Amino acid sequence: TGSVSRIVTEKEIIQLPLISRNPYDLVGLTPGAGNAGAVTGDTRGLGLSIAGQRTSSINFMLDGANNNDVGSNRTILVFPSVDAIDEFKVHRNNYGAEFGGAAGAQINIVTRSGTNDFHGSGYYFGRNDSLASTDYFLKQAGQPKGPLSSHDFGWTLGGPIIKDRLHF
């Protein structure tokens, strides 16, 4: 029996504009995944529910290693940059014994490997007030539109520290 899973590839990760730059927001692309709400004051907890299981029933892994705070089992220890991710896979059902540790789902992020060449990238995701129309219901009530402006930009750089051995 095979595992019911969804692989989100590097191409999808890079091309989808994530306002929060949080790769775990892409888990919502998986059938059966939903947002169960965050706990007030908990800035690192995700509040994801997959296949109807509790939010603490997800095992998060980074390159195959445990990435859970074992106290709450819903807090992530390392949030990798979206630009550093090669792929992530969400196993929702009937996964192999190598995963274990959680009944809801297994989420494994695989990071990119380094190279002996320097590589970089830049990004900009923008949303401008002047390009957005007023919401239909606000317009009917004679209310002005709310602020919709968002500007997210940055850059990445990677390359060798020690040729063929250590990369950043």
Protein backbone atom coordinates (compact mmCIF):
# COMPACT_ATOMS: atom_id res chain seq x y z
CA THR A 1 0.00 0.00 0.00
CA GLY A 2 1.35 3.41 -0.93
CA SER A 3 1.39 6.56 1.09
CA VAL A 4 -1.12 9.31 0.30
CA SER A 5 1.17 12.30 -0.11
CA ARG A 6 1.76 15.55 -1.96
CA ILE A 7 5.17 16.82 -3.11
CA VAL A 8 5.50 20.58 -3.50
CA THR A 9 8.41 21.20 -5.86
CA GLU A 10 11.00 23.97 -5.92
CA LYS A 11 9.27 25.54 -8.93
CA GLU A 12 5.95 25.79 -7.05
CA ILE A 13 7.65 27.11 -3.92
CA ILE A 14 9.48 29.88 -5.79
CA GLN A 15 6.63 30.92 -8.10
CA LEU A 16 3.86 31.20 -5.52
CA PRO A 17 3.93 34.57 -3.74
CA LEU A 18 3.88 33.91 -0.01
CA ILE A 19 3.09 37.09 1.90
CA SER A 20 4.53 35.62 5.11
CA ARG A 21 7.53 33.93 3.37
CA ASN A 22 6.59 30.90 5.48
CA PRO A 23 6.98 27.65 3.51
CA TYR A 24 4.48 25.88 5.77
CA ASP A 25 1.73 28.04 4.26
CA LEU A 26 2.04 25.80 1.17
CA VAL A 27 0.74 22.82 3.18
CA GLY A 28 -2.70 24.23 2.37
CA LEU A 29 -2.20 22.94 -1.21
CA THR A 30 -2.55 19.41 0.17
CA PRO A 31 -6.06 17.89 0.09
CA GLY A 32 -7.41 17.42 3.60
CA ALA A 33 -5.27 20.17 5.14
CA GLY A 34 -6.78 23.12 6.92
CA ASN A 35 -5.96 25.92 9.32
CA ALA A 36 -7.15 25.08 12.82
CA GLY A 37 -6.22 28.52 14.16
CA ALA A 38 -3.21 29.64 16.16
CA VAL A 39 -3.02 29.87 19.92
CA THR A 40 -2.94 33.48 21.14
CA GLY A 41 0.62 34.55 21.93
CA ASP A 42 2.11 31.48 20.23
CA THR A 43 4.19 32.94 17.39
CA ARG A 44 5.91 29.71 16.28
CA GLY A 45 2.94 27.32 16.43
CA LEU A 46 1.25 26.58 13.13
CA GLY A 47 -2.27 25.50 13.94
CA LEU A 48 -2.50 23.08 10.99
CA SER A 49 -4.94 20.22 10.90
CA ILE A 50 -4.46 17.44 8.36
CA ALA A 51 -6.90 14.60 7.71
CA GLY A 52 -9.06 15.77 10.62
CA GLN A 53 -6.35 15.14 13.23
CA ARG A 54 -5.36 17.46 16.08
CA THR A 55 -2.80 20.21 15.47
CA SER A 56 -0.32 18.36 17.68
CA SER A 57 -0.56 15.24 15.49
CA ILE A 58 1.88 16.42 12.82
CA ASN A 59 5.54 15.44 12.69
CA PHE A 60 7.72 18.14 11.09
CA MET A 61 11.09 17.11 9.67
CA LEU A 62 13.90 19.08 8.03
CA ASP A 63 16.15 17.01 5.76
CA GLY A 64 14.84 13.89 7.51
CA ALA A 65 15.66 15.12 11.05
CA ASN A 66 13.07 15.95 13.70
CA ASN A 67 12.06 19.64 13.59
CA ASN A 68 9.49 19.59 16.42
CA ASP A 69 9.52 21.18 19.82
CA VAL A 70 8.71 18.00 21.73
CA GLY A 71 6.96 19.98 24.48
CA SER A 72 3.98 21.13 22.41
CA ASN A 73 4.58 19.01 19.29
CA ARG A 74 3.11 21.86 17.22
CA THR A 75 5.96 24.35 17.37
CA ILE A 76 8.64 24.32 14.68
CA LEU A 77 12.28 24.68 15.69
CA VAL A 78 13.69 25.89 12.33
CA PHE A 79 11.78 27.85 9.68
CA PRO A 80 13.96 27.58 6.56
CA SER A 81 13.89 30.38 3.99
CA VAL A 82 11.61 29.72 1.04
CA ASP A 83 14.63 30.25 -1.23
CA ALA A 84 16.59 27.48 0.53
CA ILE A 85 13.98 24.75 -0.06
CA ASP A 86 14.28 22.15 -2.82
CA GLU A 87 10.96 20.44 -2.05
CA PHE A 88 8.66 19.45 0.73
CA LYS A 89 6.45 16.46 1.00
CA VAL A 90 3.31 16.05 3.05
CA HIS A 91 2.43 12.43 3.93
CA ARG A 92 -1.19 12.34 5.05
CA ASN A 93 -2.06 8.69 5.34
CA ASN A 94 -0.64 5.20 5.46
CA TYR A 95 3.01 6.27 5.57
CA GLY A 96 5.90 3.92 6.28
CA ALA A 97 7.31 2.99 9.68
CA GLU A 98 10.35 5.24 9.18
CA PHE A 99 8.14 8.26 9.85
CA GLY A 100 6.17 7.32 12.98
CA GLY A 101 5.72 9.70 15.89
CA ALA A 102 2.47 11.37 14.76
CA ALA A 103 -0.92 10.16 13.60
CA GLY A 104 -1.97 13.19 11.53
CA ALA A 105 0.75 13.77 8.97
CA GLN A 106 4.46 13.84 8.26
CA ILE A 107 5.87 17.02 6.69
CA ASN A 108 9.44 16.73 5.43
CA ILE A 109 11.28 19.73 3.98
CA VAL A 110 14.35 19.04 1.85
CA THR A 111 16.80 21.93 1.53
CA ARG A 112 18.86 22.72 -1.54
CA SER A 113 22.40 21.43 -1.72
CA GLY A 114 25.34 23.77 -2.16
CA THR A 115 27.52 24.16 -5.23
CA ASN A 116 31.04 25.35 -6.04
CA ASP A 117 29.62 28.33 -7.95
CA PHE A 118 28.20 31.53 -6.53
CA HIS A 119 24.46 31.90 -7.08
CA GLY A 120 22.04 34.57 -6.02
CA SER A 121 18.51 35.74 -6.54
CA GLY A 122 16.31 38.69 -5.80
CA TYR A 123 12.58 38.87 -5.31
CA TYR A 124 9.81 41.39 -4.99
CA PHE A 125 6.15 40.68 -4.32
CA GLY A 126 3.98 43.77 -4.31
CA ARG A 127 0.38 44.75 -3.91
CA ASN A 128 -0.57 48.36 -4.46
CA ASP A 129 -3.70 50.16 -3.17
CA SER A 130 -4.17 52.12 -6.38
CA LEU A 131 -4.52 48.91 -8.44
CA ALA A 132 -7.21 47.32 -6.24
CA SER A 133 -10.92 48.08 -6.50
CA THR A 134 -13.25 48.68 -3.59
CA ASP A 135 -14.90 45.57 -2.16
CA TYR A 136 -18.49 45.16 -3.40
CA PHE A 137 -20.04 45.22 0.07
CA LEU A 138 -18.01 48.23 1.18
CA LYS A 139 -19.09 50.05 -1.98
CA GLN A 140 -22.78 49.23 -1.29
CA ALA A 141 -22.41 50.60 2.26
CA GLY A 142 -20.66 53.76 1.02
CA GLN A 143 -17.48 52.87 2.89
CA PRO A 144 -13.95 53.44 1.57
CA LYS A 145 -11.71 50.51 0.76
CA GLY A 146 -9.22 49.38 3.38
CA PRO A 147 -5.45 49.52 2.92
CA LEU A 148 -4.21 46.71 0.68
CA SER A 149 -0.60 47.75 0.21
CA SER A 150 2.10 45.14 0.69
CA HIS A 151 5.75 45.17 -0.41
CA ASP A 152 7.99 42.19 0.25
CA PHE A 153 11.49 42.15 -1.21
CA GLY A 154 14.84 40.53 -0.50
CA TRP A 155 17.76 38.61 -1.91
CA THR A 156 19.76 35.43 -1.45
CA LEU A 157 23.38 34.46 -2.01
CA GLY A 158 25.04 31.05 -1.92
CA GLY A 159 28.42 29.63 -2.80
CA PRO A 160 31.48 27.68 -1.64
CA ILE A 161 33.41 28.15 1.60
CA ILE A 162 35.68 25.14 1.04
CA LYS A 163 35.52 23.77 -2.49
CA ASP A 164 33.64 20.43 -2.75
CA ARG A 165 33.19 20.29 1.04
CA LEU A 166 31.45 23.25 2.67
CA HIS A 167 28.89 25.62 1.15
CA PHE A 168 26.69 28.47 2.33
